[in-house]
Amino acid sequence: MLAWLQEHGPWVMDDGDTEFHENPYAWNTKANVIYLDQPAGIGFSYCNTTEDCASGDYASSWDNIRALRTWFERFPDYKTSDLYLSGESYAGIYVPYLLQ
């Protein structure tokens, strides 16, 4: 959420501010962005069962690839677009696992 609220989104809130303002450098002016909140059960994501929340780096990478494949199946127009993967913090582990 920090990246969306203070870096990437079309509207941002600077440190110490209480109101949003338009972001002239928003990614949505040049690209489409998908945020994957993971592993399952963390942040705003949820699990249908307790077993679904059991995860590790390897399990999370499979969840991520399934999420991307499902997204491209639902929105096939984006299959021909360039795809860039990025992340912050522990995504330094998750992104390489996803790429692998």
C-alpha atoms as a PDB file:
ATOM      1  CA  MET A   1       0.000   0.000   0.000  1.00  0.00           C
ATOM      2  CA  LEU A   2       2.906   2.355   0.664  1.00  0.00           C
ATOM      3  CA  ALA A   3       4.031   2.155  -2.968  1.00  0.00           C
ATOM      4  CA  TRP A   4       0.500   2.773  -4.231  1.00  0.00           C
ATOM      5  CA  LEU A   5      -0.185   5.642  -1.833  1.00  0.00           C
ATOM      6  CA  GLN A   6       3.172   7.394  -2.046  1.00  0.00           C
ATOM      7  CA  GLU A   7       4.830   6.370  -5.288  1.00  0.00           C
ATOM      8  CA  HIS A   8       2.808   4.751  -8.074  1.00  0.00           C
ATOM      9  CA  GLY A   9      -0.846   5.652  -7.883  1.00  0.00           C
ATOM     10  CA  PRO A  10      -2.709   8.335  -9.808  1.00  0.00           C
ATOM     11  CA  TRP A  11      -3.345  10.066  -6.474  1.00  0.00           C
ATOM     12  CA  VAL A  12      -0.727  10.181  -3.712  1.00  0.00           C
ATOM     13  CA  MET A  13      -0.363  11.322  -0.142  1.00  0.00           C
ATOM     14  CA  ASP A  14       3.000  12.711   0.918  1.00  0.00           C
ATOM     15  CA  ASP A  15       4.484  12.035   4.358  1.00  0.00           C
ATOM     16  CA  GLY A  16       2.676  14.121   6.953  1.00  0.00           C
ATOM     17  CA  ASP A  17      -0.182  15.079   4.607  1.00  0.00           C
ATOM     18  CA  THR A  18      -3.808  14.255   5.331  1.00  0.00           C
ATOM     19  CA  GLU A  19      -5.149  14.685   1.799  1.00  0.00           C
ATOM     20  CA  PHE A  20      -4.365  13.128  -1.573  1.00  0.00           C
ATOM     21  CA  HIS A  21      -3.113  15.129  -4.537  1.00  0.00           C
ATOM     22  CA  GLU A  22      -2.729  14.204  -8.183  1.00  0.00           C
ATOM     23  CA  ASN A  23       0.493  12.389  -9.045  1.00  0.00           C
ATOM     24  CA  PRO A  24       1.940  13.815 -12.276  1.00  0.00           C
ATOM     25  CA  TYR A  25       4.322  10.817 -12.481  1.00  0.00           C
ATOM     26  CA  ALA A  26       1.730   8.070 -12.007  1.00  0.00           C
ATOM     27  CA  TRP A  27       2.467   4.794 -13.749  1.00  0.00           C
ATOM     28  CA  ASN A  28      -1.072   4.522 -15.070  1.00  0.00           C
ATOM     29  CA  THR A  29      -0.321   7.317 -17.557  1.00  0.00           C
ATOM     30  CA  LYS A  30       2.147   5.035 -19.394  1.00  0.00           C
ATOM     31  CA  ALA A  31       1.520   1.478 -18.195  1.00  0.00           C
ATOM     32  CA  ASN A  32      -0.810  -0.968 -16.507  1.00  0.00           C
ATOM     33  CA  VAL A  33       0.161  -2.195 -13.056  1.00  0.00           C
ATOM     34  CA  ILE A  34      -0.969  -5.290 -11.161  1.00  0.00           C
ATOM     35  CA  TYR A  35      -0.282  -5.470  -7.435  1.00  0.00           C
ATOM     36  CA  LEU A  36      -0.096  -8.964  -5.930  1.00  0.00           C
ATOM     37  CA  ASP A  37      -0.430  -8.889  -2.163  1.00  0.00           C
ATOM     38  CA  GLN A  38       1.144 -12.100  -0.981  1.00  0.00           C
ATOM     39  CA  PRO A  39       1.684 -14.629   0.454  1.00  0.00           C
ATOM     40  CA  ALA A  40      -1.981 -15.514   0.842  1.00  0.00           C
ATOM     41  CA  GLY A  41      -3.395 -14.265   4.127  1.00  0.00           C
ATOM     42  CA  ILE A  42      -1.045 -11.275   4.363  1.00  0.00           C
ATOM     43  CA  GLY A  43      -2.113  -7.648   3.990  1.00  0.00           C
ATOM     44  CA  PHE A  44      -5.415  -7.354   2.135  1.00  0.00           C
ATOM     45  CA  SER A  45      -5.333 -10.897   0.730  1.00  0.00           C
ATOM     46  CA  TYR A  46      -7.272 -13.734   2.291  1.00  0.00           C
ATOM     47  CA  CYS A  47      -7.533 -17.514   2.335  1.00  0.00           C
ATOM     48  CA  ASN A  48     -10.649 -19.623   1.908  1.00  0.00           C
ATOM     49  CA  THR A  49      -9.296 -22.202   4.358  1.00  0.00           C
ATOM     50  CA  THR A  50      -6.505 -22.380   6.930  1.00  0.00           C
ATOM     51  CA  GLU A  51      -4.668 -24.839   4.670  1.00  0.00           C
ATOM     52  CA  ASP A  52      -4.691 -22.257   1.861  1.00  0.00           C
ATOM     53  CA  CYS A  53      -2.676 -19.907   4.085  1.00  0.00           C
ATOM     54  CA  ALA A  54       0.134 -22.414   4.587  1.00  0.00           C
ATOM     55  CA  SER A  55       2.904 -20.958   2.456  1.00  0.00           C
ATOM     56  CA  GLY A  56       6.569 -20.567   1.861  1.00  0.00           C
ATOM     57  CA  ASP A  57       8.693 -19.076  -0.886  1.00  0.00           C
ATOM     58  CA  TYR A  58       8.064 -21.978  -3.276  1.00  0.00           C
ATOM     59  CA  ALA A  59       4.293 -22.128  -2.607  1.00  0.00           C
ATOM     60  CA  SER A  60       4.004 -18.359  -2.988  1.00  0.00           C
ATOM     61  CA  SER A  61       5.741 -18.487  -6.365  1.00  0.00           C
ATOM     62  CA  TRP A  62       3.163 -21.021  -7.586  1.00  0.00           C
ATOM     63  CA  ASP A  63       0.323 -18.859  -6.240  1.00  0.00           C
ATOM     64  CA  ASN A  64       1.770 -15.891  -8.121  1.00  0.00           C
ATOM     65  CA  ILE A  65       2.165 -17.701 -11.438  1.00  0.00           C
ATOM     66  CA  ARG A  66      -1.402 -19.043 -11.150  1.00  0.00           C
ATOM     67  CA  ALA A  67      -2.651 -15.514 -10.431  1.00  0.00           C
ATOM     68  CA  LEU A  68      -0.841 -14.114 -13.488  1.00  0.00           C
ATOM     69  CA  ARG A  69      -2.005 -16.923 -15.769  1.00  0.00           C
ATOM     70  CA  THR A  70      -5.599 -16.485 -14.603  1.00  0.00           C
ATOM     71  CA  TRP A  71      -5.378 -12.739 -15.134  1.00  0.00           C
ATOM     72  CA  PHE A  72      -4.091 -13.192 -18.687  1.00  0.00           C
ATOM     73  CA  GLU A  73      -6.859 -15.730 -19.377  1.00  0.00           C
ATOM     74  CA  ARG A  74      -9.496 -13.221 -18.239  1.00  0.00           C
ATOM     75  CA  PHE A  75      -7.847 -10.302 -20.040  1.00  0.00           C
ATOM     76  CA  PRO A  76      -6.180 -11.778 -23.146  1.00  0.00           C
ATOM     77  CA  ASP A  77      -5.666  -8.359 -24.751  1.00  0.00           C
ATOM     78  CA  TYR A  78      -2.687  -7.886 -22.413  1.00  0.00           C
ATOM     79  CA  LYS A  79      -0.899 -11.066 -23.527  1.00  0.00           C
ATOM     80  CA  THR A  80       0.973  -9.134 -26.204  1.00  0.00           C
ATOM     81  CA  SER A  81       2.080  -6.342 -23.858  1.00  0.00           C
ATOM     82  CA  ASP A  82       5.548  -6.282 -22.342  1.00  0.00           C
ATOM     83  CA  LEU A  83       5.664  -7.716 -18.831  1.00  0.00           C
ATOM     84  CA  TYR A  84       7.997  -6.357 -16.167  1.00  0.00           C
ATOM     85  CA  LEU A  85       8.160  -7.859 -12.698  1.00  0.00           C
ATOM     86  CA  SER A  86       9.243  -5.841  -9.727  1.00  0.00           C
ATOM     87  CA  GLY A  87       8.810  -5.737  -5.996  1.00  0.00           C
ATOM     88  CA  GLU A  88      10.148  -4.336  -2.792  1.00  0.00           C
ATOM     89  CA  SER A  89      11.283  -5.713   0.534  1.00  0.00           C
ATOM     90  CA  TYR A  90      10.988  -9.524   0.636  1.00  0.00           C
ATOM     91  CA  ALA A  91       9.965  -9.492  -3.035  1.00  0.00           C
ATOM     92  CA  GLY A  92      13.699  -9.786  -3.602  1.00  0.00           C
ATOM     93  CA  ILE A  93      12.991 -13.449  -2.878  1.00  0.00           C
ATOM     94  CA  TYR A  94       9.492 -13.779  -4.358  1.00  0.00           C
ATOM     95  CA  VAL A  95      10.214 -12.175  -7.737  1.00  0.00           C
ATOM     96  CA  PRO A  96      13.194 -14.427  -8.621  1.00  0.00           C
ATOM     97  CA  TYR A  97      11.149 -17.477  -7.549  1.00  0.00           C
ATOM     98  CA  LEU A  98       8.334 -16.317  -9.824  1.00  0.00           C
ATOM     99  CA  LEU A  99      10.740 -15.772 -12.706  1.00  0.00           C
ATOM    100  CA  GLN A 100      12.207 -19.216 -12.233  1.00  0.00           C
END
